[in-house]
Protein backbone atom coordinates (compact mmCIF):
# COMPACT_ATOMS: atom_id res chain seq x y z
CA UNK A 1 236.26 48.54 -160.90
CA UNK A 2 235.80 51.57 -163.10
CA UNK A 3 233.16 54.32 -162.91
CA UNK A 4 230.40 52.37 -164.75
CA UNK A 5 230.96 49.42 -162.41
CA UNK A 6 230.23 51.52 -159.33
CA UNK A 7 227.21 53.14 -161.02
CA UNK A 8 225.75 49.71 -161.73
CA UNK A 9 226.74 48.45 -158.29
CA UNK A 10 224.84 51.24 -156.58
CA UNK A 11 221.79 50.77 -158.79
CA UNK A 12 221.79 47.12 -157.71
CA UNK A 13 221.86 48.18 -154.05
CA UNK A 14 218.99 50.62 -154.67
CA UNK A 15 217.05 47.80 -156.34
CA UNK A 16 217.71 45.45 -153.42
CA UNK A 17 216.57 48.05 -150.91
CA UNK A 18 213.44 48.58 -153.00
CA UNK A 19 212.68 44.86 -152.87
CA UNK A 20 213.20 44.71 -149.11
CA UNK A 21 210.99 47.78 -148.65
CA UNK A 22 208.10 46.27 -150.62
CA UNK A 23 208.33 43.09 -148.53
CA UNK A 24 208.33 45.07 -145.27
CA UNK A 25 205.22 46.94 -146.39
CA UNK A 26 203.32 43.99 -144.92
CA UNK A 27 203.15 46.24 -141.85
CA UNK A 28 201.14 48.79 -143.85
CA UNK A 29 198.98 46.03 -145.32
CA UNK A 30 198.28 44.64 -141.87
CA UNK A 31 197.11 48.06 -140.69
CA UNK A 32 194.37 48.00 -143.34
CA UNK A 33 193.20 44.64 -141.97
CA UNK A 34 192.75 45.72 -138.36
CA UNK A 35 188.97 45.96 -138.75
CA UNK A 36 188.71 42.87 -140.98
CA UNK A 37 190.80 40.16 -139.32
CA UNK A 38 190.05 41.41 -135.80
CA UNK A 39 186.46 41.49 -134.60
CA UNK A 40 186.95 42.52 -130.98
CA UNK A 41 189.33 44.61 -128.90
CA UNK A 42 191.49 41.68 -127.75
CA UNK A 43 192.08 40.48 -131.30
CA UNK A 44 192.88 44.02 -132.41
CA UNK A 45 195.44 44.29 -129.61
CA UNK A 46 197.15 41.15 -130.89
CA UNK A 47 197.30 42.50 -134.45
CA UNK A 48 198.52 45.97 -133.49
CA UNK A 49 201.23 44.63 -131.18
CA UNK A 50 202.31 42.10 -133.81
CA UNK A 51 202.74 44.88 -136.40
CA UNK A 52 204.08 47.36 -133.85
CA UNK A 53 207.14 45.22 -133.27
CA UNK A 54 208.08 45.49 -136.94
CA UNK A 55 207.00 48.96 -138.14
CA UNK A 56 210.41 50.48 -137.39
CA UNK A 57 212.05 48.01 -139.79
CA UNK A 58 209.86 49.36 -142.60
CA UNK A 59 210.40 52.99 -141.66
CA UNK A 60 214.19 52.54 -141.41
CA UNK A 61 214.32 50.78 -144.77
CA UNK A 62 212.32 53.59 -146.40
CA UNK A 63 214.72 56.19 -144.99
CA UNK A 64 217.73 54.12 -146.07
CA UNK A 65 216.25 53.73 -149.56
CA UNK A 66 215.83 57.50 -149.88
CA UNK A 67 219.25 58.21 -148.39
CA UNK A 68 220.99 55.76 -150.72
CA UNK A 69 219.25 57.36 -153.70
CA UNK A 70 220.35 60.81 -152.53
CA UNK A 71 223.97 59.77 -152.08
CA UNK A 72 224.39 57.68 -155.23
CA UNK A 73 222.05 59.38 -157.73
CA UNK A 74 221.63 62.96 -156.49
CA UNK A 75 220.18 64.28 -159.76
CA UNK A 76 217.23 61.91 -159.39
CA UNK A 77 216.79 63.01 -155.82
CA UNK A 78 216.78 66.70 -156.70
CA UNK A 79 214.52 66.14 -159.72
CA UNK A 80 211.91 63.87 -158.17
CA UNK A 81 211.94 64.94 -154.52
CA UNK A 82 212.35 68.59 -155.47
CA UNK A 83 209.75 68.58 -158.27
CA UNK A 84 207.20 65.88 -157.44
CA UNK A 85 207.08 67.11 -153.87
CA UNK A 86 203.34 66.74 -153.29
CA UNK A 87 203.36 62.98 -153.75
CA UNK A 88 206.47 62.59 -151.58
CA UNK A 89 205.03 64.92 -148.93
CA UNK A 90 201.86 62.82 -148.80
CA UNK A 91 203.94 59.67 -148.40
CA UNK A 92 205.93 61.36 -145.62
CA UNK A 93 202.75 62.50 -143.84
CA UNK A 94 201.38 58.94 -144.05
CA UNK A 95 204.46 57.54 -142.34
CA UNK A 96 204.46 60.29 -139.72
CA UNK A 97 200.85 59.35 -138.92
CA UNK A 98 202.01 55.77 -138.48
CA UNK A 99 204.82 56.67 -136.09
CA UNK A 100 202.56 58.93 -134.02
CA UNK A 101 199.83 56.29 -133.89
CA UNK A 102 202.06 53.55 -132.52
CA UNK A 103 203.52 55.96 -129.99
CA UNK A 104 200.25 57.37 -128.60
CA UNK A 105 197.53 54.80 -129.40
CA UNK A 106 197.35 53.40 -125.87
CA UNK A 107 198.68 56.40 -123.98
CA UNK A 108 196.31 57.84 -121.39
CA UNK A 109 194.71 61.12 -122.44
CA UNK A 110 195.70 60.89 -126.10
CA UNK A 111 193.98 63.48 -128.28
CA UNK A 112 192.23 61.36 -130.91
CA UNK A 113 191.40 58.26 -128.89
CA UNK A 114 192.40 54.70 -129.67
CA UNK A 115 190.02 54.37 -132.62
CA UNK A 116 191.31 57.62 -134.12
CA UNK A 117 194.88 56.36 -134.18
CA UNK A 118 193.73 53.06 -135.68
CA UNK A 119 192.13 55.06 -138.51
CA UNK A 120 195.47 56.85 -139.00
CA UNK A 121 197.14 53.43 -139.31
CA UNK A 122 194.58 52.47 -141.96
CA UNK A 123 195.30 55.69 -143.90
CA UNK A 124 199.02 54.94 -143.78
CA UNK A 125 198.43 51.43 -145.07
CA UNK A 126 196.14 52.55 -147.88
CA UNK A 127 197.71 55.74 -149.23
CA UNK A 128 201.32 54.91 -148.33
CA UNK A 129 201.39 51.72 -150.40
CA UNK A 130 199.43 53.01 -153.40
CA UNK A 131 201.45 56.23 -153.68
CA UNK A 132 204.77 54.41 -153.33
CA UNK A 133 203.76 51.95 -156.05
CA UNK A 134 202.61 54.76 -158.35
CA UNK A 135 205.86 56.67 -157.77
CA UNK A 136 207.97 53.62 -158.66
CA UNK A 137 205.85 53.01 -161.77
CA UNK A 138 207.05 56.34 -163.17
CA UNK A 139 210.40 54.60 -163.72
CA UNK A 140 208.61 52.94 -166.64
CA UNK A 141 206.01 55.53 -167.65
CA UNK A 142 208.04 58.72 -167.19
CA UNK A 143 207.38 62.12 -165.62
CA UNK A 144 207.10 65.69 -166.86
CA UNK A 145 210.36 67.43 -166.00
CA UNK A 146 213.29 69.08 -167.74
CA UNK A 147 216.98 69.09 -166.90
CA UNK A 148 219.45 71.82 -167.88
CA UNK A 149 222.85 71.12 -166.31
CA UNK A 150 224.30 74.30 -167.80
CA UNK A 151 222.21 76.27 -165.27
CA UNK A 152 224.61 75.12 -162.58
CA UNK A 153 226.95 77.96 -163.58
CA UNK A 154 224.14 80.53 -163.54
CA UNK A 155 224.67 82.66 -160.40
CA UNK A 156 221.11 84.05 -160.57
CA UNK A 157 219.18 80.77 -160.99
CA UNK A 158 221.44 77.70 -160.49
CA UNK A 159 218.51 75.27 -160.80
CA UNK A 160 219.25 72.16 -162.84
CA UNK A 161 215.84 70.44 -162.76
CA UNK A 162 212.39 71.91 -163.30
CA UNK A 163 209.06 70.14 -162.82
CA UNK A 164 206.75 70.97 -165.70
CA UNK A 165 203.43 69.74 -164.31
CA UNK A 166 201.47 71.94 -161.85
CA UNK A 167 200.36 68.88 -159.87
CA UNK A 168 203.97 68.27 -158.81
CA UNK A 169 203.84 64.50 -158.62
CA UNK A 170 200.16 63.93 -157.94
CA UNK A 171 199.69 63.34 -161.68
CA UNK A 172 201.42 59.96 -161.19
CA UNK A 173 198.30 58.65 -159.43
CA UNK A 174 196.15 59.74 -162.39
CA UNK A 175 198.02 57.49 -164.84
CA UNK A 176 196.27 54.12 -165.20
CA UNK A 177 199.48 52.11 -165.51
CA UNK A 178 200.97 53.81 -162.45
CA UNK A 179 197.78 53.20 -160.51
CA UNK A 180 197.86 49.51 -161.47
CA UNK A 181 201.27 49.08 -159.84
CA UNK A 182 200.13 51.14 -156.85
CA UNK A 183 197.12 48.85 -156.37
CA UNK A 184 199.34 45.80 -156.89
CA UNK A 185 201.61 46.96 -154.05
CA UNK A 186 198.56 47.66 -151.87
CA UNK A 187 197.02 44.20 -152.35
CA UNK A 188 200.44 42.52 -152.07
CA UNK A 189 201.03 44.24 -148.73
CA UNK A 190 197.67 42.94 -147.47
CA UNK A 191 198.50 39.44 -148.73
CA UNK A 192 201.89 39.44 -147.01
CA UNK A 193 200.30 40.83 -143.84
CA UNK A 194 197.78 37.98 -143.78
CA UNK A 195 200.61 35.46 -144.12
CA UNK A 196 202.50 37.27 -141.37
CA UNK A 197 199.51 37.11 -138.99
CA UNK A 198 199.24 33.36 -139.68
CA UNK A 199 202.90 32.99 -138.72
CA UNK A 200 203.16 35.41 -135.80
CA UNK A 201 199.90 35.12 -133.86
CA UNK A 202 198.93 31.98 -131.96
CA UNK A 203 195.16 32.25 -132.22
CA UNK A 204 193.00 29.86 -134.26
CA UNK A 205 190.31 32.46 -135.00
CA UNK A 206 192.79 35.06 -136.25
CA UNK A 207 194.57 32.34 -138.25
CA UNK A 208 191.37 31.33 -140.02
CA UNK A 209 190.37 34.90 -140.90
CA UNK A 210 193.89 35.78 -142.05
CA UNK A 211 193.95 32.69 -144.26
CA UNK A 212 190.78 33.88 -146.01
CA UNK A 213 192.35 37.28 -146.59
CA UNK A 214 195.32 35.67 -148.36
CA UNK A 215 193.00 34.51 -151.14
CA UNK A 216 190.86 37.65 -151.16
CA UNK A 217 193.90 39.89 -151.69
CA UNK A 218 196.18 37.62 -153.73
CA UNK A 219 193.72 37.49 -156.64
CA UNK A 220 193.43 41.29 -157.18
CA UNK A 221 197.20 41.59 -156.61
CA UNK A 222 197.92 39.11 -159.39
CA UNK A 223 195.41 40.77 -161.72
CA UNK A 224 196.86 44.26 -161.17
CA UNK A 225 200.49 43.16 -161.28
CA UNK A 226 200.19 40.96 -164.37
CA UNK A 227 198.24 43.68 -166.19
CA UNK A 228 200.96 46.22 -165.37
CA UNK A 229 203.73 43.79 -166.30
CA UNK A 230 202.25 42.70 -169.64
CA UNK A 231 201.39 46.30 -170.54
CA UNK A 232 204.94 47.42 -169.71
CA UNK A 233 206.61 44.60 -171.65
CA UNK A 234 204.51 45.29 -174.74
CA UNK A 235 204.89 49.06 -175.08
CA UNK A 236 207.77 51.30 -176.08
CA UNK A 237 210.55 51.82 -173.57
CA UNK A 238 213.18 54.49 -173.04
CA UNK A 239 216.45 53.21 -174.51
CA UNK A 240 219.89 54.85 -174.46
CA UNK A 241 222.46 54.52 -177.26
CA UNK A 242 226.26 54.46 -176.92
CA UNK A 243 226.43 58.28 -177.12
CA UNK A 244 224.01 58.67 -174.22
CA UNK A 245 221.10 59.75 -176.43
CA UNK A 246 217.66 58.63 -175.23
CA UNK A 247 215.18 57.28 -177.78
CA UNK A 248 211.99 55.23 -177.84
CA UNK A 249 212.33 51.50 -178.53
CA UNK A 250 209.47 49.06 -178.89
CA UNK A 251 209.43 46.12 -176.45
CA UNK A 252 212.43 47.62 -174.67
CA UNK A 253 211.67 46.14 -171.23
CA UNK A 254 210.85 42.74 -172.73
CA UNK A 255 214.19 42.82 -174.56
CA UNK A 256 215.91 43.76 -171.31
CA UNK A 257 214.62 40.56 -169.74
CA UNK A 258 215.68 38.49 -172.75
CA UNK A 259 219.12 40.11 -172.96
CA UNK A 260 219.81 39.73 -169.23
CA UNK A 261 219.19 35.99 -168.62
CA UNK A 262 220.30 36.14 -164.99
CA UNK A 263 217.69 38.81 -164.28
CA UNK A 264 215.07 36.78 -166.16
CA UNK A 265 215.85 33.66 -164.13
CA UNK A 266 215.78 35.60 -160.84
CA UNK A 267 212.45 37.15 -161.79
CA UNK A 268 210.89 33.80 -162.68
CA UNK A 269 212.26 32.22 -159.50
CA UNK A 270 210.80 35.09 -157.49
CA UNK A 271 207.37 34.69 -159.09
CA UNK A 272 207.38 30.91 -158.60
CA UNK A 273 208.50 31.13 -154.96
CA UNK A 274 205.87 33.82 -154.27
CA UNK A 275 203.12 31.69 -155.82
CA UNK A 276 204.35 28.64 -153.92
CA UNK A 277 204.03 30.49 -150.63
CA UNK A 278 200.49 31.61 -151.50
CA UNK A 279 199.29 28.23 -152.78
CA UNK A 280 200.77 26.19 -149.96
CA UNK A 281 199.33 28.56 -147.36
CA UNK A 282 195.90 27.94 -148.83
CA UNK A 283 196.21 24.21 -149.43
CA UNK A 284 197.90 23.12 -146.18
CA UNK A 285 195.71 23.29 -143.11
CA UNK A 286 198.24 24.54 -140.54
CA UNK A 287 201.09 25.86 -142.70
CA UNK A 288 202.56 29.07 -141.25
CA UNK A 289 205.73 29.54 -143.31
CA UNK A 290 204.10 31.20 -146.31
CA UNK A 291 205.38 34.65 -145.34
CA UNK A 292 208.99 33.56 -145.88
CA UNK A 293 208.43 32.06 -149.33
CA UNK A 294 206.26 34.99 -150.42
CA UNK A 295 208.73 37.43 -148.87
CA UNK A 296 211.74 36.03 -150.75
CA UNK A 297 209.69 35.95 -153.95
CA UNK A 298 208.66 39.57 -153.47
CA UNK A 299 212.23 40.77 -152.92
CA UNK A 300 213.49 38.95 -156.02
CA UNK A 301 210.64 40.12 -158.27
CA UNK A 302 210.92 43.78 -157.23
CA UNK A 303 214.72 43.64 -157.48
CA UNK A 304 214.41 42.48 -161.10
CA UNK A 305 211.85 45.19 -161.94
CA UNK A 306 214.34 47.83 -160.80
CA UNK A 307 217.13 46.17 -162.78
CA UNK A 308 215.23 46.13 -166.08
CA UNK A 309 214.33 49.78 -165.47
CA UNK A 310 217.96 50.90 -165.11
CA UNK A 311 220.27 48.31 -166.67
CA UNK A 312 220.96 47.40 -170.30
CA UNK A 313 221.15 50.98 -171.61
CA UNK A 314 217.78 52.10 -170.25
CA UNK A 315 216.62 55.40 -168.79
CA UNK A 316 215.34 54.66 -165.29
CA UNK A 317 213.61 58.05 -164.92
CA UNK A 318 212.32 59.17 -168.32
CA UNK A 319 211.21 62.70 -169.13
CA UNK A 320 207.94 62.90 -171.07
CA UNK A 321 207.78 66.70 -171.16
CA UNK A 322 209.00 66.93 -174.74
CA UNK A 323 212.74 66.54 -174.47
CA UNK A 324 213.78 62.91 -174.09
CA UNK A 325 217.36 64.02 -173.47
CA UNK A 326 216.31 65.31 -170.05
CA UNK A 327 215.72 61.69 -169.05
CA UNK A 328 217.92 60.30 -166.28
CA UNK A 329 220.11 57.23 -166.57
CA UNK A 330 222.39 55.62 -164.02
CA UNK A 331 225.30 57.20 -165.91
CA UNK A 332 224.18 60.85 -166.22
CA UNK A 333 222.62 61.22 -162.76
CA UNK A 334 225.10 59.54 -160.42
CA UNK A 335 227.56 60.94 -157.92
CA UNK A 336 231.24 61.29 -158.75
CA UNK A 337 233.55 58.32 -159.14
CA UNK A 338 235.26 59.16 -155.86
CA UNK A 339 231.96 59.41 -153.94
CA UNK A 340 230.62 56.11 -155.27
CA UNK A 341 233.92 54.36 -154.59
CA UNK A 342 234.11 55.57 -150.98
CA UNK A 343 230.47 54.68 -150.34
CA UNK A 344 231.05 51.23 -151.83
CA UNK A 345 233.69 50.56 -149.17
CA UNK A 346 231.18 51.52 -146.48
CA UNK A 347 228.56 49.29 -148.13
CA UNK A 348 230.69 46.25 -147.26
CA UNK A 349 229.19 46.57 -143.77
CA UNK A 350 225.70 45.79 -145.14
CA UNK A 351 225.91 42.00 -144.49
CA UNK A 352 226.68 42.69 -140.82
CA UNK A 353 223.69 45.03 -140.59
CA UNK A 354 221.44 42.42 -142.21
CA UNK A 355 222.74 39.79 -139.81
CA UNK A 356 221.83 42.04 -136.87
CA UNK A 357 218.34 42.59 -138.31
CA UNK A 358 217.83 38.83 -138.63
CA UNK A 359 219.04 38.35 -135.05
CA UNK A 360 216.76 41.12 -133.74
CA UNK A 361 213.79 39.75 -135.72
CA UNK A 362 214.27 36.24 -134.33
CA UNK A 363 214.61 37.59 -130.81
CA UNK A 364 211.39 39.59 -131.13
CA UNK A 365 209.48 36.61 -132.57
CA UNK A 366 210.88 34.01 -130.18
CA UNK A 367 207.38 33.64 -128.75
CA UNK A 368 204.23 34.07 -130.80
CA UNK A 369 201.67 36.62 -129.66
CA UNK A 370 198.58 35.13 -128.02
CA UNK A 371 195.50 36.30 -126.12
CA UNK A 372 197.02 35.56 -122.71
CA UNK A 373 199.96 37.87 -123.39
CA UNK A 374 197.66 40.71 -124.47
CA UNK A 375 195.57 40.37 -121.32
CA UNK A 376 198.66 41.25 -119.25
CA UNK A 377 198.94 45.05 -119.30
CA UNK A 378 202.74 44.86 -118.92
CA UNK A 379 203.06 43.16 -122.32
CA UNK A 380 201.03 45.70 -124.29
CA UNK A 381 203.48 48.08 -125.94
CA UNK A 382 201.16 49.58 -128.57
């Protein structure tokens, strides 16, 4: 268990957290369907309370994802969060709007009214997913920044990273390939949300409308995702040689898949399981388990995307400003050997945390939400 082992280990954990986060974004997707799947106030109450019991899982995973990045790859954190701050601030504002909305939506005398907070939830679901997807896409397309580690000894200006674009991260949403992944995440979140409503709400009308939304959103998701994937596999990628020098290599990400057969198999399994969940949910009249198949497929597919972005001598955060050597890899941007080793010991507690989450989830969903429950004021939490 040498230094490179722990660097790769922590990139795997980051990738796994990223996959779990994308799956849990079904909460955001469901918030954009409040005015589509629900046609009256009672139905909207069922949807909001169904999502409200899960939004903290998504928020906690997002915070954990950012915290793990900060602890294991601090140079990425300081470069991206310190330079592309506008896009991250917008994402933060979106999630703050979500938290405030669930807290005050049904409180007496709230400032914006119930409809106002539902609009905030829609904004969180729309912008939060697209911006997160666009930000992750920069792992493949690159960003305009420079890194000068020698500045660390400069007492006047000890700034290592500098962002070289005046838009400070907003330019990511102006790149077509980034936007494709952002839209893919948005439509995937709506697809997963529809499957979740079919599983979690005991109402035939909501079930039928949600089932229609699975098809309506799965098609644009597949179009956007496959376009992004094929485009990425066919263009030049940011490779790293044995000396740590970054250079452009054609079909780099395609070669990563071919040279890492385990990752390739996991990716294909994820895609097949995801498609199985979608197809069976459409073909079987009363099938409600699609969210679990699609969820597992989502986690595996996103996990593999992160792995081909960082493994196999690849720069996971490329610099396109003019100096490829400013690009970040899992080896030149990680914490110290001691820090990664100590954190790895703490990470052994992760299975126990996941077990608690599964237990809490099952306890919350022991009884499906129905109209009768929402008509009892005591049961309305959101």
